Amino acid sequence: MSIAWKFLILVIASYQVAAGESVNFSLPETNKLISFTFQSKPGGNSSFRSFQVDSEGKHFDFTARNSIARIPANPNERRALGYWIDIPGLKLHPSRYFLVGKYGTASDSRTLLFFISDAGASDAAALLVIGFSTSGDPYKVLERDYLDVTSFQSTPDGTGLIVGKETLSQVMGGDGFNGSTKPYATTYDPFSVFIVHPESKAVYSLVVSRSYNQKHYVWAGSHSREDYAVLYNLPEHHGLIGAPTSRVPALLGESRNEAKP
């Protein structure tokens, strides 16, 4: 192969990497448009790791630790690939590159952009969250290798709460499954709550996480556990029940006996 052909191939490859789609976004913090340029991988893959932000005449480069996905337009394809975007407090941007969340007060509204990675079969997806200063400068608010966001909330005092699971629960006993009305047990995988203040990075809160799990789940520590289970739909019990894994067969056996006429 001649040197000229080699040079041409390198130029084409460089262009493929550098070329990307530009997306405009109206930023409430400045009431002005900012521009994103997403550098998708060559070969038709819509995932990417690097992107640029142009805001107020400044240029910012971001590189995620994990590959970021562009959400498919087709809802059936989303479900088949495991993308869950119906997240309370977040809205998918028309470009499908990120989800948008708002927090703060009426006089000081703030914006967070959530970039998610390809979903695994049994693992939580990676997450990158970008925030903005009052002058429009973007910065990393949160980056996790594993965190499936389940909700984003704005508290009355203007604080943002990112709620999610770092590990996904697996059915370990019983006849049920997620959404079933039959008794079943899953692994213990608690919610994690990260607090976001304006101009600051998100910080995990053990206190808020404990309170959230006690209200919406069960609490047996901040990490997933193989020796502890969460039981659903047990007769004579309201809500979820936490118990050592060793007790699961007996508790599910009791539920089957109680269900018999």
C-alpha atoms as a PDB file:
ATOM      1  CA  MET A   1       0.000   0.000   0.000  1.00  0.00           C
ATOM      2  CA  SER A   2       1.374   3.404  -0.980  1.00  0.00           C
ATOM      3  CA  ILE A   3       2.107   6.120   1.552  1.00  0.00           C
ATOM      4  CA  ALA A   4      -0.597   8.283  -0.067  1.00  0.00           C
ATOM      5  CA  TRP A   5      -3.267   5.610   0.470  1.00  0.00           C
ATOM      6  CA  LYS A   6      -2.177   5.083   4.070  1.00  0.00           C
ATOM      7  CA  PHE A   7      -2.417   8.812   4.685  1.00  0.00           C
ATOM      8  CA  LEU A   8      -5.912   8.935   3.132  1.00  0.00           C
ATOM      9  CA  ILE A   9      -7.114   6.060   5.329  1.00  0.00           C
ATOM     10  CA  LEU A  10      -5.800   7.811   8.429  1.00  0.00           C
ATOM     11  CA  VAL A  11      -7.556  11.029   7.434  1.00  0.00           C
ATOM     12  CA  ILE A  12     -10.862   9.193   6.897  1.00  0.00           C
ATOM     13  CA  ALA A  13     -10.541   7.355  10.222  1.00  0.00           C
ATOM     14  CA  SER A  14      -9.719  10.602  12.010  1.00  0.00           C
ATOM     15  CA  TYR A  15     -12.740  12.253  10.441  1.00  0.00           C
ATOM     16  CA  GLN A  16     -15.011   9.393  11.545  1.00  0.00           C
ATOM     17  CA  VAL A  17     -13.847   9.745  15.133  1.00  0.00           C
ATOM     18  CA  ALA A  18     -13.958  13.519  15.169  1.00  0.00           C
ATOM     19  CA  ALA A  19     -17.270  13.861  13.352  1.00  0.00           C
ATOM     20  CA  GLY A  20     -20.272  13.983  15.584  1.00  0.00           C
ATOM     21  CA  GLU A  21     -23.824  15.193  15.923  1.00  0.00           C
ATOM     22  CA  SER A  22     -24.451  18.622  17.416  1.00  0.00           C
ATOM     23  CA  VAL A  23     -27.376  19.178  19.760  1.00  0.00           C
ATOM     24  CA  ASN A  24     -28.596  22.494  21.154  1.00  0.00           C
ATOM     25  CA  PHE A  25     -30.047  22.782  24.634  1.00  0.00           C
ATOM     26  CA  SER A  26     -31.714  25.791  26.252  1.00  0.00           C
ATOM     27  CA  LEU A  27     -30.092  26.189  29.662  1.00  0.00           C
ATOM     28  CA  PRO A  28     -32.357  27.767  32.323  1.00  0.00           C
ATOM     29  CA  GLU A  29     -29.345  28.912  34.350  1.00  0.00           C
ATOM     30  CA  THR A  30     -28.380  31.401  31.628  1.00  0.00           C
ATOM     31  CA  ASN A  31     -31.517  31.477  29.442  1.00  0.00           C
ATOM     32  CA  LYS A  32     -29.225  30.828  26.479  1.00  0.00           C
ATOM     33  CA  LEU A  33     -28.516  27.965  24.113  1.00  0.00           C
ATOM     34  CA  ILE A  34     -25.536  25.719  24.698  1.00  0.00           C
ATOM     35  CA  SER A  35     -24.235  23.235  22.150  1.00  0.00           C
ATOM     36  CA  PHE A  36     -23.226  19.584  22.576  1.00  0.00           C
ATOM     37  CA  THR A  37     -21.145  17.640  20.080  1.00  0.00           C
ATOM     38  CA  PHE A  38     -21.302  13.874  20.539  1.00  0.00           C
ATOM     39  CA  GLN A  39     -18.571  11.737  19.033  1.00  0.00           C
ATOM     40  CA  SER A  40     -20.182   8.386  18.274  1.00  0.00           C
ATOM     41  CA  LYS A  41     -18.010   5.365  17.634  1.00  0.00           C
ATOM     42  CA  PRO A  42     -17.321   4.549  13.947  1.00  0.00           C
ATOM     43  CA  GLY A  43     -19.165   1.652  12.347  1.00  0.00           C
ATOM     44  CA  GLY A  44     -22.750   2.657  13.060  1.00  0.00           C
ATOM     45  CA  ASN A  45     -22.595   2.222  16.837  1.00  0.00           C
ATOM     46  CA  SER A  46     -24.492   5.107  18.433  1.00  0.00           C
ATOM     47  CA  SER A  47     -22.712   4.808  21.787  1.00  0.00           C
ATOM     48  CA  PHE A  48     -20.009   7.295  22.721  1.00  0.00           C
ATOM     49  CA  ARG A  49     -17.584   8.201  25.510  1.00  0.00           C
ATOM     50  CA  SER A  50     -16.452  11.700  24.580  1.00  0.00           C
ATOM     51  CA  PHE A  51     -18.459  14.846  23.982  1.00  0.00           C
ATOM     52  CA  GLN A  52     -17.924  18.584  23.916  1.00  0.00           C
ATOM     53  CA  VAL A  53     -19.963  21.428  25.366  1.00  0.00           C
ATOM     54  CA  ASP A  54     -19.856  24.983  24.035  1.00  0.00           C
ATOM     55  CA  SER A  55     -21.334  27.467  26.485  1.00  0.00           C
ATOM     56  CA  GLU A  56     -21.014  31.238  26.694  1.00  0.00           C
ATOM     57  CA  GLY A  57     -18.097  31.242  24.285  1.00  0.00           C
ATOM     58  CA  LYS A  58     -16.191  28.566  26.229  1.00  0.00           C
ATOM     59  CA  HIS A  59     -15.344  25.012  25.122  1.00  0.00           C
ATOM     60  CA  PHE A  60     -15.424  22.058  27.527  1.00  0.00           C
ATOM     61  CA  ASP A  61     -14.376  18.454  26.845  1.00  0.00           C
ATOM     62  CA  PHE A  62     -15.805  15.479  28.737  1.00  0.00           C
ATOM     63  CA  THR A  63     -14.758  11.832  28.640  1.00  0.00           C
ATOM     64  CA  ALA A  64     -16.814   9.277  30.540  1.00  0.00           C
ATOM     65  CA  ARG A  65     -15.275   6.246  32.224  1.00  0.00           C
ATOM     66  CA  ASN A  66     -17.829   4.020  30.501  1.00  0.00           C
ATOM     67  CA  SER A  67     -19.441   4.021  27.092  1.00  0.00           C
ATOM     68  CA  ILE A  68     -22.621   6.117  27.028  1.00  0.00           C
ATOM     69  CA  ALA A  69     -25.674   5.013  25.072  1.00  0.00           C
ATOM     70  CA  ARG A  70     -27.977   6.950  22.820  1.00  0.00           C
ATOM     71  CA  ILE A  71     -31.462   5.826  23.798  1.00  0.00           C
ATOM     72  CA  PRO A  72     -33.282   4.040  20.938  1.00  0.00           C
ATOM     73  CA  ALA A  73     -36.249   5.890  19.456  1.00  0.00           C
ATOM     74  CA  ASN A  74     -38.423   2.766  19.267  1.00  0.00           C
ATOM     75  CA  PRO A  75     -40.098   1.929  22.621  1.00  0.00           C
ATOM     76  CA  ASN A  76     -40.092  -1.803  21.832  1.00  0.00           C
ATOM     77  CA  GLU A  77     -36.361  -1.685  21.155  1.00  0.00           C
ATOM     78  CA  ARG A  78     -35.832   0.159  24.430  1.00  0.00           C
ATOM     79  CA  ARG A  79     -37.640  -2.541  26.366  1.00  0.00           C
ATOM     80  CA  ALA A  80     -35.828  -5.334  24.533  1.00  0.00           C
ATOM     81  CA  LEU A  81     -32.442  -3.784  25.324  1.00  0.00           C
ATOM     82  CA  GLY A  82     -33.335  -3.012  28.929  1.00  0.00           C
ATOM     83  CA  TYR A  83     -33.511   0.789  28.762  1.00  0.00           C
ATOM     84  CA  TRP A  84     -35.851   2.129  31.423  1.00  0.00           C
ATOM     85  CA  ILE A  85     -36.444   5.858  30.905  1.00  0.00           C
ATOM     86  CA  ASP A  86     -39.821   6.327  32.620  1.00  0.00           C
ATOM     87  CA  ILE A  87     -38.041   7.698  35.677  1.00  0.00           C
ATOM     88  CA  PRO A  88     -39.962  10.050  37.993  1.00  0.00           C
ATOM     89  CA  GLY A  89     -38.373  13.494  37.901  1.00  0.00           C
ATOM     90  CA  LEU A  90     -36.523  12.951  34.605  1.00  0.00           C
ATOM     91  CA  LYS A  91     -37.518  13.593  31.000  1.00  0.00           C
ATOM     92  CA  LEU A  92     -35.831  12.254  27.883  1.00  0.00           C
ATOM     93  CA  HIS A  93     -34.427  15.043  25.705  1.00  0.00           C
ATOM     94  CA  PRO A  94     -35.685  14.956  22.080  1.00  0.00           C
ATOM     95  CA  SER A  95     -32.135  14.164  20.915  1.00  0.00           C
ATOM     96  CA  ARG A  96     -32.227  10.975  23.062  1.00  0.00           C
ATOM     97  CA  TYR A  97     -28.656  11.563  24.204  1.00  0.00           C
ATOM     98  CA  PHE A  98     -29.587  12.363  27.800  1.00  0.00           C
ATOM     99  CA  LEU A  99     -32.387  12.786  30.330  1.00  0.00           C
ATOM    100  CA  VAL A 100     -33.112  16.153  31.945  1.00  0.00           C
ATOM    101  CA  GLY A 101     -33.821  16.777  35.628  1.00  0.00           C
ATOM    102  CA  LYS A 102     -34.715  20.028  37.391  1.00  0.00           C
ATOM    103  CA  TYR A 103     -34.218  20.960  41.016  1.00  0.00           C
ATOM    104  CA  GLY A 104     -33.841  24.080  43.146  1.00  0.00           C
ATOM    105  CA  THR A 105     -36.315  26.824  43.986  1.00  0.00           C
ATOM    106  CA  ALA A 106     -38.624  29.042  41.952  1.00  0.00           C
ATOM    107  CA  SER A 107     -36.006  31.794  41.951  1.00  0.00           C
ATOM    108  CA  ASP A 108     -32.994  29.502  41.466  1.00  0.00           C
ATOM    109  CA  SER A 109     -33.817  26.614  39.133  1.00  0.00           C
ATOM    110  CA  ARG A 110     -30.973  24.197  38.373  1.00  0.00           C
ATOM    111  CA  THR A 111     -30.496  21.612  35.637  1.00  0.00           C
ATOM    112  CA  LEU A 112     -28.901  18.169  35.641  1.00  0.00           C
ATOM    113  CA  LEU A 113     -28.304  16.040  32.551  1.00  0.00           C
ATOM    114  CA  PHE A 114     -28.230  12.262  33.018  1.00  0.00           C
ATOM    115  CA  PHE A 115     -26.200  10.139  30.590  1.00  0.00           C
ATOM    116  CA  ILE A 116     -26.708   6.389  30.914  1.00  0.00           C
ATOM    117  CA  SER A 117     -24.781   3.417  29.592  1.00  0.00           C
ATOM    118  CA  ASP A 118     -25.960   0.230  27.949  1.00  0.00           C
ATOM    119  CA  ALA A 119     -28.002  -1.809  30.395  1.00  0.00           C
ATOM    120  CA  GLY A 120     -26.670  -5.205  31.423  1.00  0.00           C
ATOM    121  CA  ALA A 121     -28.743  -8.348  31.822  1.00  0.00           C
ATOM    122  CA  SER A 122     -28.376  -8.393  35.606  1.00  0.00           C
ATOM    123  CA  ASP A 123     -26.129  -5.417  36.391  1.00  0.00           C
ATOM    124  CA  ALA A 124     -26.984  -1.779  36.909  1.00  0.00           C
ATOM    125  CA  ALA A 125     -25.870   0.556  34.123  1.00  0.00           C
ATOM    126  CA  ALA A 126     -23.128   3.151  34.420  1.00  0.00           C
ATOM    127  CA  LEU A 127     -24.192   6.760  34.979  1.00  0.00           C
ATOM    128  CA  LEU A 128     -22.748  10.202  34.306  1.00  0.00           C
ATOM    129  CA  VAL A 129     -24.496  13.349  35.560  1.00  0.00           C
ATOM    130  CA  ILE A 130     -23.575  16.840  34.358  1.00  0.00           C
ATOM    131  CA  GLY A 131     -24.581  20.083  36.093  1.00  0.00           C
ATOM    132  CA  PHE A 132     -24.059  23.767  35.349  1.00  0.00           C
ATOM    133  CA  SER A 133     -22.916  26.845  37.220  1.00  0.00           C
ATOM    134  CA  THR A 134     -24.902  30.081  37.109  1.00  0.00           C
ATOM    135  CA  SER A 135     -22.550  31.267  34.367  1.00  0.00           C
ATOM    136  CA  GLY A 136     -23.256  28.154  32.275  1.00  0.00           C
ATOM    137  CA  ASP A 137     -20.021  26.259  32.920  1.00  0.00           C
ATOM    138  CA  PRO A 138     -20.679  22.471  32.892  1.00  0.00           C
ATOM    139  CA  TYR A 139     -19.132  20.139  35.470  1.00  0.00           C
ATOM    140  CA  LYS A 140     -19.385  16.504  36.566  1.00  0.00           C
ATOM    141  CA  VAL A 141     -21.913  16.100  39.368  1.00  0.00           C
ATOM    142  CA  LEU A 142     -21.781  12.316  39.663  1.00  0.00           C
ATOM    143  CA  GLU A 143     -20.169   9.392  37.855  1.00  0.00           C
ATOM    144  CA  ARG A 144     -20.803   5.805  38.901  1.00  0.00           C
ATOM    145  CA  ASP A 145     -19.858   2.534  37.257  1.00  0.00           C
ATOM    146  CA  TYR A 146     -23.126   0.996  38.469  1.00  0.00           C
ATOM    147  CA  LEU A 147     -26.264   2.963  39.310  1.00  0.00           C
ATOM    148  CA  ASP A 148     -29.744   2.494  37.866  1.00  0.00           C
ATOM    149  CA  VAL A 149     -31.594   5.724  38.654  1.00  0.00           C
ATOM    150  CA  THR A 150     -35.113   5.077  39.944  1.00  0.00           C
ATOM    151  CA  SER A 151     -36.126   8.681  40.667  1.00  0.00           C
ATOM    152  CA  PHE A 152     -34.880  12.249  40.851  1.00  0.00           C
ATOM    153  CA  GLN A 153     -36.453  14.544  43.410  1.00  0.00           C
ATOM    154  CA  SER A 154     -36.305  18.202  44.361  1.00  0.00           C
ATOM    155  CA  THR A 155     -36.857  18.934  48.051  1.00  0.00           C
ATOM    156  CA  PRO A 156     -38.635  22.059  49.376  1.00  0.00           C
ATOM    157  CA  ASP A 157     -35.287  23.607  50.349  1.00  0.00           C
ATOM    158  CA  GLY A 158     -33.985  23.300  46.787  1.00  0.00           C
ATOM    159  CA  THR A 159     -31.828  20.214  47.247  1.00  0.00           C
ATOM    160  CA  GLY A 160     -31.725  17.532  44.568  1.00  0.00           C
ATOM    161  CA  LEU A 161     -31.928  13.823  45.427  1.00  0.00           C
ATOM    162  CA  ILE A 162     -30.648  11.187  43.001  1.00  0.00           C
ATOM    163  CA  VAL A 163     -32.118   7.821  43.989  1.00  0.00           C
ATOM    164  CA  GLY A 164     -30.992   4.543  42.476  1.00  0.00           C
ATOM    165  CA  LYS A 165     -29.733   1.004  42.902  1.00  0.00           C
ATOM    166  CA  GLU A 166     -26.133  -0.067  42.443  1.00  0.00           C
ATOM    167  CA  THR A 167     -27.133  -3.739  42.250  1.00  0.00           C
ATOM    168  CA  LEU A 168     -30.296  -5.275  40.829  1.00  0.00           C
ATOM    169  CA  SER A 169     -32.426  -7.651  42.856  1.00  0.00           C
ATOM    170  CA  GLN A 170     -32.695 -11.273  41.748  1.00  0.00           C
ATOM    171  CA  VAL A 171     -35.571 -13.613  42.592  1.00  0.00           C
ATOM    172  CA  MET A 172     -34.298 -16.283  44.981  1.00  0.00           C
ATOM    173  CA  GLY A 173     -37.449 -18.109  45.992  1.00  0.00           C
ATOM    174  CA  GLY A 174     -41.198 -18.363  45.596  1.00  0.00           C
ATOM    175  CA  ASP A 175     -43.582 -18.340  42.670  1.00  0.00           C
ATOM    176  CA  GLY A 176     -43.560 -14.634  41.971  1.00  0.00           C
ATOM    177  CA  PHE A 177     -41.572 -12.021  40.117  1.00  0.00           C
ATOM    178  CA  ASN A 178     -41.439  -8.258  39.900  1.00  0.00           C
ATOM    179  CA  GLY A 179     -45.037  -7.052  39.686  1.00  0.00           C
ATOM    180  CA  SER A 180     -46.509 -10.405  40.719  1.00  0.00           C
ATOM    181  CA  THR A 181     -49.141 -10.769  43.429  1.00  0.00           C
ATOM    182  CA  LYS A 182     -47.768 -14.142  44.531  1.00  0.00           C
ATOM    183  CA  PRO A 183     -45.343 -14.501  47.456  1.00  0.00           C
ATOM    184  CA  TYR A 184     -41.673 -14.464  46.497  1.00  0.00           C
ATOM    185  CA  ALA A 185     -38.253 -13.458  47.794  1.00  0.00           C
ATOM    186  CA  THR A 186     -35.405 -11.494  46.251  1.00  0.00           C
ATOM    187  CA  THR A 187     -31.856 -10.606  47.160  1.00  0.00           C
ATOM    188  CA  TYR A 188     -31.340  -7.562  49.378  1.00  0.00           C
ATOM    189  CA  ASP A 189     -30.283  -4.615  47.229  1.00  0.00           C
ATOM    190  CA  PRO A 190     -30.922  -1.249  48.895  1.00  0.00           C
ATOM    191  CA  PHE A 191     -31.513   2.123  47.305  1.00  0.00           C
ATOM    192  CA  SER A 192     -28.703   4.671  47.416  1.00  0.00           C
ATOM    193  CA  VAL A 193     -29.536   8.371  47.762  1.00  0.00           C
ATOM    194  CA  PHE A 194     -27.126  11.077  46.601  1.00  0.00           C
ATOM    195  CA  ILE A 195     -27.666  14.684  47.681  1.00  0.00           C
ATOM    196  CA  VAL A 196     -27.033  17.470  45.165  1.00  0.00           C
ATOM    197  CA  HIS A 197     -26.535  21.116  46.101  1.00  0.00           C
ATOM    198  CA  PRO A 198     -26.113  23.887  43.493  1.00  0.00           C
ATOM    199  CA  GLU A 199     -22.532  24.315  42.269  1.00  0.00           C
ATOM    200  CA  SER A 200     -21.498  21.087  44.065  1.00  0.00           C
ATOM    201  CA  LYS A 201     -20.949  17.422  43.318  1.00  0.00           C
ATOM    202  CA  ALA A 202     -23.429  14.800  44.485  1.00  0.00           C
ATOM    203  CA  VAL A 203     -22.644  13.170  47.830  1.00  0.00           C
ATOM    204  CA  TYR A 204     -23.953   9.828  49.093  1.00  0.00           C
ATOM    205  CA  SER A 205     -25.978  10.200  52.302  1.00  0.00           C
ATOM    206  CA  LEU A 206     -26.227   7.221  54.638  1.00  0.00           C
ATOM    207  CA  VAL A 207     -28.855   8.975  56.773  1.00  0.00           C
ATOM    208  CA  VAL A 208     -31.134   9.841  53.857  1.00  0.00           C
ATOM    209  CA  SER A 209     -30.568   6.431  52.246  1.00  0.00           C
ATOM    210  CA  ARG A 210     -31.580   4.656  55.452  1.00  0.00           C
ATOM    211  CA  SER A 211     -34.712   6.775  55.779  1.00  0.00           C
ATOM    212  CA  TYR A 212     -35.661   6.224  52.139  1.00  0.00           C
ATOM    213  CA  ASN A 213     -35.243   2.439  52.360  1.00  0.00           C
ATOM    214  CA  GLN A 214     -37.195   2.242  55.607  1.00  0.00           C
ATOM    215  CA  LYS A 215     -40.076   4.032  53.889  1.00  0.00           C
ATOM    216  CA  HIS A 216     -39.980   2.394  50.454  1.00  0.00           C
ATOM    217  CA  TYR A 217     -38.056  -0.868  50.913  1.00  0.00           C
ATOM    218  CA  VAL A 218     -36.417  -2.494  53.955  1.00  0.00           C
ATOM    219  CA  TRP A 219     -33.165  -1.578  55.671  1.00  0.00           C
ATOM    220  CA  ALA A 220     -30.356  -3.978  56.513  1.00  0.00           C
ATOM    221  CA  GLY A 221     -27.319  -1.883  55.637  1.00  0.00           C
ATOM    222  CA  SER A 222     -26.010   0.215  52.784  1.00  0.00           C
ATOM    223  CA  HIS A 223     -24.706  -2.661  50.643  1.00  0.00           C
ATOM    224  CA  SER A 224     -26.301  -5.666  48.962  1.00  0.00           C
ATOM    225  CA  ARG A 225     -26.236  -8.840  51.029  1.00  0.00           C
ATOM    226  CA  GLU A 226     -26.386 -12.525  50.149  1.00  0.00           C
ATOM    227  CA  ASP A 227     -27.406 -13.525  53.663  1.00  0.00           C
ATOM    228  CA  TYR A 228     -30.496 -11.319  53.752  1.00  0.00           C
ATOM    229  CA  ALA A 229     -33.669 -11.413  51.665  1.00  0.00           C
ATOM    230  CA  VAL A 230     -36.666  -9.233  50.900  1.00  0.00           C
ATOM    231  CA  LEU A 231     -40.050 -10.963  50.779  1.00  0.00           C
ATOM    232  CA  TYR A 232     -43.084  -9.739  48.868  1.00  0.00           C
ATOM    233  CA  ASN A 233     -46.824 -10.436  49.117  1.00  0.00           C
ATOM    234  CA  LEU A 234     -46.740 -12.551  52.264  1.00  0.00           C
ATOM    235  CA  PRO A 235     -50.269 -13.129  53.612  1.00  0.00           C
ATOM    236  CA  GLU A 236     -51.104 -11.229  56.797  1.00  0.00           C
ATOM    237  CA  HIS A 237     -48.230  -8.826  56.151  1.00  0.00           C
ATOM    238  CA  HIS A 238     -48.530  -5.309  54.801  1.00  0.00           C
ATOM    239  CA  GLY A 239     -45.621  -4.164  52.697  1.00  0.00           C
ATOM    240  CA  LEU A 240     -42.228  -5.795  52.325  1.00  0.00           C
ATOM    241  CA  ILE A 241     -40.570  -8.045  54.883  1.00  0.00           C
ATOM    242  CA  GLY A 242     -36.830  -8.419  55.435  1.00  0.00           C
ATOM    243  CA  ALA A 243     -35.424 -11.648  56.850  1.00  0.00           C
ATOM    244  CA  PRO A 244     -32.240 -13.739  56.899  1.00  0.00           C
ATOM    245  CA  THR A 245     -31.906 -15.921  53.817  1.00  0.00           C
ATOM    246  CA  SER A 246     -32.048 -19.030  56.008  1.00  0.00           C
ATOM    247  CA  ARG A 247     -35.659 -18.186  56.932  1.00  0.00           C
ATOM    248  CA  VAL A 248     -36.915 -17.757  53.366  1.00  0.00           C
ATOM    249  CA  PRO A 249     -38.034 -21.395  52.779  1.00  0.00           C
ATOM    250  CA  ALA A 250     -39.998 -21.427  56.023  1.00  0.00           C
ATOM    251  CA  LEU A 251     -41.640 -18.043  55.409  1.00  0.00           C
ATOM    252  CA  LEU A 252     -42.615 -18.945  51.853  1.00  0.00           C
ATOM    253  CA  GLY A 253     -43.833 -22.344  53.064  1.00  0.00           C
ATOM    254  CA  GLU A 254     -46.032 -20.648  55.642  1.00  0.00           C
ATOM    255  CA  SER A 255     -47.459 -18.357  52.967  1.00  0.00           C
ATOM    256  CA  ARG A 256     -48.388 -21.346  50.782  1.00  0.00           C
ATOM    257  CA  ASN A 257     -50.069 -23.062  53.710  1.00  0.00           C
ATOM    258  CA  GLU A 258     -52.024 -19.911  54.566  1.00  0.00           C
ATOM    259  CA  ALA A 259     -53.132 -19.593  50.956  1.00  0.00           C
ATOM    260  CA  LYS A 260     -54.700 -23.076  50.956  1.00  0.00           C
ATOM    261  CA  PRO A 261     -58.488 -23.178  51.453  1.00  0.00           C
END
